[in-house]
Amino acid sequence: MTISGHKSKTDWESVKREYDSDAPIPYDPEDGPYDPNDDAAVDAFFDKATIWVGWPNQVMIQKDGVPVNQEETAAAEADKK
C-alpha cells in the first residue's frame, strides 16, 4: 500500500515477471508446515487451519477446519459476562 503522494518502492515489473515465469517457490521442510508448490498440501493445511478475519476486531470464521457459527459464539461470549 502506498501513501497518497508517495512513490511506490515496489518493482512491479519484477513482480509481474516472476509471477508470469511460473517458477516453483523455493522450499525447505524447515521453512514451514507445507510445501507451497504442492496444491494438495496447501489445500490440506488450509482445510485444517483456524482462520480469523477482520482488523482490528478479529472474528474467527473457522476453527480446526470446522466453520464457526458467529451467533453461537456471540451467545457464548455474552454468557461469560
PDB file of N, CA and C in Angstrom:
ATOM      1  N   MET A   1       0.850  -1.163   0.000  1.00  0.00           N
ATOM      2  CA  MET A   1       0.000   0.000   0.000  1.00  0.00           C
ATOM      3  C   MET A   1       0.896   1.226   0.000  1.00  0.00           C
ATOM      4  N   THR A   2       0.559   2.163  -0.851  1.00  0.00           N
ATOM      5  CA  THR A   2       1.335   3.401  -0.873  1.00  0.00           C
ATOM      6  C   THR A   2       0.531   4.521  -0.232  1.00  0.00           C
ATOM      7  N   ILE A   3       1.251   5.461   0.307  1.00  0.00           N
ATOM      8  CA  ILE A   3       0.623   6.634   0.895  1.00  0.00           C
ATOM      9  C   ILE A   3       0.410   7.642  -0.217  1.00  0.00           C
ATOM     10  N   SER A   4      -0.722   8.287  -0.230  1.00  0.00           N
ATOM     11  CA  SER A   4      -1.033   9.266  -1.262  1.00  0.00           C
ATOM     12  C   SER A   4       0.098  10.284  -1.371  1.00  0.00           C
ATOM     13  N   GLY A   5       0.566  10.492  -2.596  1.00  0.00           N
ATOM     14  CA  GLY A   5       1.632  11.452  -2.826  1.00  0.00           C
ATOM     15  C   GLY A   5       3.026  10.862  -2.725  1.00  0.00           C
ATOM     16  N   HIS A   6       3.161   9.602  -2.316  1.00  0.00           N
ATOM     17  CA  HIS A   6       4.464   8.951  -2.190  1.00  0.00           C
ATOM     18  C   HIS A   6       4.630   7.914  -3.300  1.00  0.00           C
ATOM     19  N   LYS A   7       5.846   7.785  -3.800  1.00  0.00           N
ATOM     20  CA  LYS A   7       6.137   6.820  -4.852  1.00  0.00           C
ATOM     21  C   LYS A   7       6.259   5.414  -4.263  1.00  0.00           C
ATOM     22  N   SER A   8       5.692   4.422  -4.945  1.00  0.00           N
ATOM     23  CA  SER A   8       5.804   3.031  -4.512  1.00  0.00           C
ATOM     24  C   SER A   8       7.255   2.584  -4.599  1.00  0.00           C
ATOM     25  N   LYS A   9       7.716   1.828  -3.617  1.00  0.00           N
ATOM     26  CA  LYS A   9       9.083   1.318  -3.615  1.00  0.00           C
ATOM     27  C   LYS A   9       9.145  -0.116  -4.123  1.00  0.00           C
ATOM     28  N   THR A  10       8.029  -0.624  -4.638  1.00  0.00           N
ATOM     29  CA  THR A  10       7.973  -1.981  -5.159  1.00  0.00           C
ATOM     30  C   THR A  10       8.275  -1.978  -6.649  1.00  0.00           C
ATOM     31  N   ASP A  11       9.127  -2.875  -7.100  1.00  0.00           N
ATOM     32  CA  ASP A  11       9.443  -3.021  -8.517  1.00  0.00           C
ATOM     33  C   ASP A  11       8.380  -3.930  -9.130  1.00  0.00           C
ATOM     34  N   TRP A  12       7.261  -3.336  -9.543  1.00  0.00           N
ATOM     35  CA  TRP A  12       6.132  -4.116 -10.029  1.00  0.00           C
ATOM     36  C   TRP A  12       6.450  -4.885 -11.298  1.00  0.00           C
ATOM     37  N   GLU A  13       7.338  -4.379 -12.138  1.00  0.00           N
ATOM     38  CA  GLU A  13       7.714  -5.112 -13.349  1.00  0.00           C
ATOM     39  C   GLU A  13       8.402  -6.419 -12.973  1.00  0.00           C
ATOM     40  N   SER A  14       9.254  -6.377 -11.959  1.00  0.00           N
ATOM     41  CA  SER A  14       9.925  -7.588 -11.481  1.00  0.00           C
ATOM     42  C   SER A  14       8.911  -8.566 -10.883  1.00  0.00           C
ATOM     43  N   VAL A  15       7.968  -8.043 -10.126  1.00  0.00           N
ATOM     44  CA  VAL A  15       6.923  -8.890  -9.531  1.00  0.00           C
ATOM     45  C   VAL A  15       6.123  -9.585 -10.626  1.00  0.00           C
ATOM     46  N   LYS A  16       5.726  -8.843 -11.652  1.00  0.00           N
ATOM     47  CA  LYS A  16       4.941  -9.418 -12.763  1.00  0.00           C
ATOM     48  C   LYS A  16       5.748 -10.474 -13.520  1.00  0.00           C
ATOM     49  N   ARG A  17       7.053 -10.191 -13.776  1.00  0.00           N
ATOM     50  CA  ARG A  17       7.902 -11.168 -14.476  1.00  0.00           C
ATOM     51  C   ARG A  17       8.003 -12.464 -13.679  1.00  0.00           C
ATOM     52  N   GLU A  18       8.218 -12.351 -12.384  1.00  0.00           N
ATOM     53  CA  GLU A  18       8.354 -13.545 -11.551  1.00  0.00           C
ATOM     54  C   GLU A  18       7.049 -14.341 -11.510  1.00  0.00           C
ATOM     55  N   TYR A  19       5.928 -13.644 -11.413  1.00  0.00           N
ATOM     56  CA  TYR A  19       4.624 -14.316 -11.397  1.00  0.00           C
ATOM     57  C   TYR A  19       4.388 -15.045 -12.717  1.00  0.00           C
ATOM     58  N   ASP A  20       4.681 -14.372 -13.837  1.00  0.00           N
ATOM     59  CA  ASP A  20       4.447 -14.963 -15.156  1.00  0.00           C
ATOM     60  C   ASP A  20       5.398 -16.115 -15.460  1.00  0.00           C
ATOM     61  N   SER A  21       6.565 -16.169 -14.805  1.00  0.00           N
ATOM     62  CA  SER A  21       7.535 -17.226 -15.089  1.00  0.00           C
ATOM     63  C   SER A  21       7.054 -18.584 -14.596  1.00  0.00           C
ATOM     64  N   ASP A  22       6.127 -18.592 -13.634  1.00  0.00           N
ATOM     65  CA  ASP A  22       5.578 -19.828 -13.073  1.00  0.00           C
ATOM     66  C   ASP A  22       6.674 -20.719 -12.487  1.00  0.00           C
ATOM     67  N   ALA A  23       7.756 -20.101 -12.009  1.00  0.00           N
ATOM     68  CA  ALA A  23       8.848 -20.853 -11.387  1.00  0.00           C
ATOM     69  C   ALA A  23       8.396 -21.344 -10.014  1.00  0.00           C
ATOM     70  N   PRO A  24       8.846 -22.521  -9.600  1.00  0.00           N
ATOM     71  CA  PRO A  24       8.460 -23.016  -8.270  1.00  0.00           C
ATOM     72  C   PRO A  24       9.015 -22.127  -7.159  1.00  0.00           C
ATOM     73  N   ILE A  25       8.280 -22.058  -6.072  1.00  0.00           N
ATOM     74  CA  ILE A  25       8.696 -21.290  -4.906  1.00  0.00           C
ATOM     75  C   ILE A  25       9.761 -22.098  -4.170  1.00  0.00           C
ATOM     76  N   PRO A  26      10.926 -21.498  -3.873  1.00  0.00           N
ATOM     77  CA  PRO A  26      11.950 -22.251  -3.129  1.00  0.00           C
ATOM     78  C   PRO A  26      11.378 -22.704  -1.778  1.00  0.00           C
ATOM     79  N   TYR A  27      11.596 -23.978  -1.437  1.00  0.00           N
ATOM     80  CA  TYR A  27      11.031 -24.526  -0.205  1.00  0.00           C
ATOM     81  C   TYR A  27      11.975 -25.530   0.416  1.00  0.00           C
ATOM     82  N   ASP A  28      12.143 -25.426   1.720  1.00  0.00           N
ATOM     83  CA  ASP A  28      12.906 -26.379   2.527  1.00  0.00           C
ATOM     84  C   ASP A  28      11.955 -26.810   3.650  1.00  0.00           C
ATOM     85  N   PRO A  29      11.872 -28.073   4.006  1.00  0.00           N
ATOM     86  CA  PRO A  29      10.941 -28.506   5.053  1.00  0.00           C
ATOM     87  C   PRO A  29      11.037 -27.707   6.349  1.00  0.00           C
ATOM     88  N   GLU A  30      12.183 -27.079   6.613  1.00  0.00           N
ATOM     89  CA  GLU A  30      12.316 -26.260   7.811  1.00  0.00           C
ATOM     90  C   GLU A  30      11.635 -24.903   7.663  1.00  0.00           C
ATOM     91  N   ASP A  31      11.229 -24.558   6.423  1.00  0.00           N
ATOM     92  CA  ASP A  31      10.622 -23.255   6.152  1.00  0.00           C
ATOM     93  C   ASP A  31       9.212 -23.119   6.703  1.00  0.00           C
ATOM     94  N   GLY A  32       8.466 -24.195   6.764  1.00  0.00           N
ATOM     95  CA  GLY A  32       7.087 -24.070   7.216  1.00  0.00           C
ATOM     96  C   GLY A  32       6.351 -25.386   7.208  1.00  0.00           C
ATOM     97  N   PRO A  33       5.047 -25.321   7.470  1.00  0.00           N
ATOM     98  CA  PRO A  33       4.257 -26.532   7.666  1.00  0.00           C
ATOM     99  C   PRO A  33       3.860 -27.274   6.387  1.00  0.00           C
ATOM    100  N   TYR A  34       4.029 -26.656   5.206  1.00  0.00           N
ATOM    101  CA  TYR A  34       3.633 -27.327   3.960  1.00  0.00           C
ATOM    102  C   TYR A  34       4.451 -26.775   2.798  1.00  0.00           C
ATOM    103  N   ASP A  35       4.543 -27.565   1.717  1.00  0.00           N
ATOM    104  CA  ASP A  35       5.246 -27.139   0.504  1.00  0.00           C
ATOM    105  C   ASP A  35       4.291 -26.290  -0.324  1.00  0.00           C
ATOM    106  N   PRO A  36       4.592 -25.012  -0.548  1.00  0.00           N
ATOM    107  CA  PRO A  36       3.675 -24.152  -1.292  1.00  0.00           C
ATOM    108  C   PRO A  36       3.534 -24.528  -2.765  1.00  0.00           C
ATOM    109  N   ASN A  37       4.390 -25.403  -3.269  1.00  0.00           N
ATOM    110  CA  ASN A  37       4.298 -25.855  -4.659  1.00  0.00           C
ATOM    111  C   ASN A  37       3.387 -27.065  -4.813  1.00  0.00           C
ATOM    112  N   ASP A  38       2.979 -27.671  -3.715  1.00  0.00           N
ATOM    113  CA  ASP A  38       2.135 -28.862  -3.722  1.00  0.00           C
ATOM    114  C   ASP A  38       0.694 -28.444  -3.405  1.00  0.00           C
ATOM    115  N   ASP A  39      -0.144 -28.398  -4.437  1.00  0.00           N
ATOM    116  CA  ASP A  39      -1.521 -27.927  -4.253  1.00  0.00           C
ATOM    117  C   ASP A  39      -2.291 -28.733  -3.213  1.00  0.00           C
ATOM    118  N   ALA A  40      -2.078 -30.043  -3.176  1.00  0.00           N
ATOM    119  CA  ALA A  40      -2.784 -30.885  -2.202  1.00  0.00           C
ATOM    120  C   ALA A  40      -2.346 -30.539  -0.775  1.00  0.00           C
ATOM    121  N   ALA A  41      -1.050 -30.277  -0.587  1.00  0.00           N
ATOM    122  CA  ALA A  41      -0.553 -29.926   0.748  1.00  0.00           C
ATOM    123  C   ALA A  41      -1.101 -28.573   1.197  1.00  0.00           C
ATOM    124  N   VAL A  42      -1.181 -27.625   0.273  1.00  0.00           N
ATOM    125  CA  VAL A  42      -1.729 -26.302   0.600  1.00  0.00           C
ATOM    126  C   VAL A  42      -3.200 -26.429   0.995  1.00  0.00           C
ATOM    127  N   ASP A  43      -3.979 -27.164   0.187  1.00  0.00           N
ATOM    128  CA  ASP A  43      -5.402 -27.345   0.490  1.00  0.00           C
ATOM    129  C   ASP A  43      -5.602 -28.046   1.827  1.00  0.00           C
ATOM    130  N   ALA A  44      -4.812 -29.083   2.096  1.00  0.00           N
ATOM    131  CA  ALA A  44      -4.947 -29.815   3.357  1.00  0.00           C
ATOM    132  C   ALA A  44      -4.627 -28.915   4.547  1.00  0.00           C
ATOM    133  N   PHE A  45      -3.595 -28.073   4.424  1.00  0.00           N
ATOM    134  CA  PHE A  45      -3.232 -27.177   5.520  1.00  0.00           C
ATOM    135  C   PHE A  45      -4.362 -26.188   5.804  1.00  0.00           C
ATOM    136  N   PHE A  46      -4.907 -25.553   4.763  1.00  0.00           N
ATOM    137  CA  PHE A  46      -5.939 -24.550   4.979  1.00  0.00           C
ATOM    138  C   PHE A  46      -7.289 -25.161   5.354  1.00  0.00           C
ATOM    139  N   ASP A  47      -7.526 -26.423   4.963  1.00  0.00           N
ATOM    140  CA  ASP A  47      -8.764 -27.087   5.391  1.00  0.00           C
ATOM    141  C   ASP A  47      -8.772 -27.313   6.898  1.00  0.00           C
ATOM    142  N   LYS A  48      -7.585 -27.471   7.499  1.00  0.00           N
ATOM    143  CA  LYS A  48      -7.491 -27.730   8.933  1.00  0.00           C
ATOM    144  C   LYS A  48      -7.166 -26.477   9.741  1.00  0.00           C
ATOM    145  N   ALA A  49      -6.940 -25.365   9.068  1.00  0.00           N
ATOM    146  CA  ALA A  49      -6.479 -24.150   9.740  1.00  0.00           C
ATOM    147  C   ALA A  49      -7.586 -23.465  10.530  1.00  0.00           C
ATOM    148  N   THR A  50      -7.164 -22.681  11.521  1.00  0.00           N
ATOM    149  CA  THR A  50      -8.064 -21.782  12.219  1.00  0.00           C
ATOM    150  C   THR A  50      -7.930 -20.441  11.512  1.00  0.00           C
ATOM    151  N   ILE A  51      -9.031 -19.906  11.003  1.00  0.00           N
ATOM    152  CA  ILE A  51      -8.995 -18.698  10.186  1.00  0.00           C
ATOM    153  C   ILE A  51      -9.689 -17.550  10.901  1.00  0.00           C
ATOM    154  N   TRP A  52      -8.980 -16.434  10.968  1.00  0.00           N
ATOM    155  CA  TRP A  52      -9.501 -15.207  11.558  1.00  0.00           C
ATOM    156  C   TRP A  52      -9.605 -14.166  10.453  1.00  0.00           C
ATOM    157  N   VAL A  53     -10.663 -13.351  10.458  1.00  0.00           N
ATOM    158  CA  VAL A  53     -10.801 -12.258   9.500  1.00  0.00           C
ATOM    159  C   VAL A  53     -11.119 -10.979  10.248  1.00  0.00           C
ATOM    160  N   GLY A  54     -10.852  -9.867   9.593  1.00  0.00           N
ATOM    161  CA  GLY A  54     -11.190  -8.570  10.169  1.00  0.00           C
ATOM    162  C   GLY A  54     -10.063  -7.977  10.974  1.00  0.00           C
ATOM    163  N   TRP A  55      -9.972  -6.695  10.901  1.00  0.00           N
ATOM    164  CA  TRP A  55      -8.997  -5.969  11.701  1.00  0.00           C
ATOM    165  C   TRP A  55      -9.555  -4.596  11.991  1.00  0.00           C
ATOM    166  N   PRO A  56      -9.501  -4.080  13.151  1.00  0.00           N
ATOM    167  CA  PRO A  56      -8.789  -4.559  14.326  1.00  0.00           C
ATOM    168  C   PRO A  56      -9.623  -5.514  15.171  1.00  0.00           C
ATOM    169  N   ASN A  57     -10.887  -5.690  14.867  1.00  0.00           N
ATOM    170  CA  ASN A  57     -11.750  -6.579  15.649  1.00  0.00           C
ATOM    171  C   ASN A  57     -11.869  -7.910  14.921  1.00  0.00           C
ATOM    172  N   GLN A  58     -10.941  -8.802  15.213  1.00  0.00           N
ATOM    173  CA  GLN A  58     -10.906 -10.075  14.506  1.00  0.00           C
ATOM    174  C   GLN A  58     -12.058 -10.980  14.910  1.00  0.00           C
ATOM    175  N   VAL A  59     -12.515 -11.771  13.938  1.00  0.00           N
ATOM    176  CA  VAL A  59     -13.591 -12.731  14.154  1.00  0.00           C
ATOM    177  C   VAL A  59     -13.134 -14.071  13.594  1.00  0.00           C
ATOM    178  N   MET A  60     -13.291 -15.138  14.382  1.00  0.00           N
ATOM    179  CA  MET A  60     -12.922 -16.467  13.926  1.00  0.00           C
ATOM    180  C   MET A  60     -14.043 -16.990  13.028  1.00  0.00           C
ATOM    181  N   ILE A  61     -13.687 -17.431  11.810  1.00  0.00           N
ATOM    182  CA  ILE A  61     -14.700 -17.994  10.917  1.00  0.00           C
ATOM    183  C   ILE A  61     -14.539 -19.496  10.750  1.00  0.00           C
ATOM    184  N   GLN A  62     -13.390 -20.030  11.162  1.00  0.00           N
ATOM    185  CA  GLN A  62     -13.167 -21.470  11.070  1.00  0.00           C
ATOM    186  C   GLN A  62     -12.196 -21.869  12.162  1.00  0.00           C
ATOM    187  N   LYS A  63     -12.528 -22.938  12.899  1.00  0.00           N
ATOM    188  CA  LYS A  63     -11.614 -23.442  13.927  1.00  0.00           C
ATOM    189  C   LYS A  63     -11.312 -24.895  13.638  1.00  0.00           C
ATOM    190  N   ASP A  64     -10.046 -25.157  13.408  1.00  0.00           N
ATOM    191  CA  ASP A  64      -9.592 -26.519  13.114  1.00  0.00           C
ATOM    192  C   ASP A  64     -10.387 -27.165  11.994  1.00  0.00           C
ATOM    193  N   GLY A  65     -10.659 -26.403  10.942  1.00  0.00           N
ATOM    194  CA  GLY A  65     -11.335 -26.921   9.770  1.00  0.00           C
ATOM    195  C   GLY A  65     -12.844 -26.942   9.858  1.00  0.00           C
ATOM    196  N   VAL A  66     -13.423 -26.509  10.974  1.00  0.00           N
ATOM    197  CA  VAL A  66     -14.874 -26.532  11.143  1.00  0.00           C
ATOM    198  C   VAL A  66     -15.394 -25.089  11.162  1.00  0.00           C
ATOM    199  N   PRO A  67     -16.332 -24.743  10.256  1.00  0.00           N
ATOM    200  CA  PRO A  67     -16.862 -23.387  10.268  1.00  0.00           C
ATOM    201  C   PRO A  67     -17.483 -23.050  11.623  1.00  0.00           C
ATOM    202  N   VAL A  68     -17.316 -21.797  12.029  1.00  0.00           N
ATOM    203  CA  VAL A  68     -17.817 -21.336  13.311  1.00  0.00           C
ATOM    204  C   VAL A  68     -19.086 -20.526  13.080  1.00  0.00           C
ATOM    205  N   ASN A  69     -20.136 -20.856  13.813  1.00  0.00           N
ATOM    206  CA  ASN A  69     -21.386 -20.107  13.728  1.00  0.00           C
ATOM    207  C   ASN A  69     -21.239 -18.878  14.620  1.00  0.00           C
ATOM    208  N   GLN A  70     -21.231 -17.701  14.021  1.00  0.00           N
ATOM    209  CA  GLN A  70     -20.979 -16.479  14.773  1.00  0.00           C
ATOM    210  C   GLN A  70     -22.046 -16.194  15.818  1.00  0.00           C
ATOM    211  N   GLU A  71     -23.301 -16.569  15.576  1.00  0.00           N
ATOM    212  CA  GLU A  71     -24.360 -16.335  16.552  1.00  0.00           C
ATOM    213  C   GLU A  71     -24.117 -17.144  17.822  1.00  0.00           C
ATOM    214  N   GLU A  72     -23.702 -18.399  17.670  1.00  0.00           N
ATOM    215  CA  GLU A  72     -23.416 -19.241  18.827  1.00  0.00           C
ATOM    216  C   GLU A  72     -22.216 -18.698  19.597  1.00  0.00           C
ATOM    217  N   THR A  73     -21.203 -18.236  18.882  1.00  0.00           N
ATOM    218  CA  THR A  73     -20.014 -17.674  19.522  1.00  0.00           C
ATOM    219  C   THR A  73     -20.385 -16.424  20.315  1.00  0.00           C
ATOM    220  N   ALA A  74     -21.198 -15.553  19.714  1.00  0.00           N
ATOM    221  CA  ALA A  74     -21.601 -14.317  20.387  1.00  0.00           C
ATOM    222  C   ALA A  74     -22.415 -14.641  21.639  1.00  0.00           C
ATOM    223  N   ALA A  75     -23.290 -15.638  21.573  1.00  0.00           N
ATOM    224  CA  ALA A  75     -24.108 -16.023  22.729  1.00  0.00           C
ATOM    225  C   ALA A  75     -23.217 -16.580  23.840  1.00  0.00           C
ATOM    226  N   ALA A  76     -22.215 -17.360  23.489  1.00  0.00           N
ATOM    227  CA  ALA A  76     -21.315 -17.928  24.497  1.00  0.00           C
ATOM    228  C   ALA A  76     -20.514 -16.815  25.167  1.00  0.00           C
ATOM    229  N   GLU A  77     -20.094 -15.821  24.404  1.00  0.00           N
ATOM    230  CA  GLU A  77     -19.364 -14.683  24.978  1.00  0.00           C
ATOM    231  C   GLU A  77     -20.260 -13.881  25.920  1.00  0.00           C
ATOM    232  N   ALA A  78     -21.527 -13.711  25.564  1.00  0.00           N
ATOM    233  CA  ALA A  78     -22.460 -12.955  26.404  1.00  0.00           C
ATOM    234  C   ALA A  78     -22.704 -13.697  27.719  1.00  0.00           C
ATOM    235  N   ASP A  79     -22.715 -15.030  27.690  1.00  0.00           N
ATOM    236  CA  ASP A  79     -22.931 -15.822  28.901  1.00  0.00           C
ATOM    237  C   ASP A  79     -21.770 -15.679  29.889  1.00  0.00           C
ATOM    238  N   LYS A  80     -20.558 -15.423  29.374  1.00  0.00           N
ATOM    239  CA  LYS A  80     -19.379 -15.303  30.221  1.00  0.00           C
ATOM    240  C   LYS A  80     -19.416 -14.033  31.073  1.00  0.00           C
ATOM    241  N   LYS A  81     -20.117 -13.003  30.600  1.00  0.00           N
ATOM    242  CA  LYS A  81     -20.107 -11.701  31.309  1.00  0.00           C
ATOM    243  C   LYS A  81     -21.011 -11.666  32.494  1.00  0.00           C
TER     244      LYS A  81
END
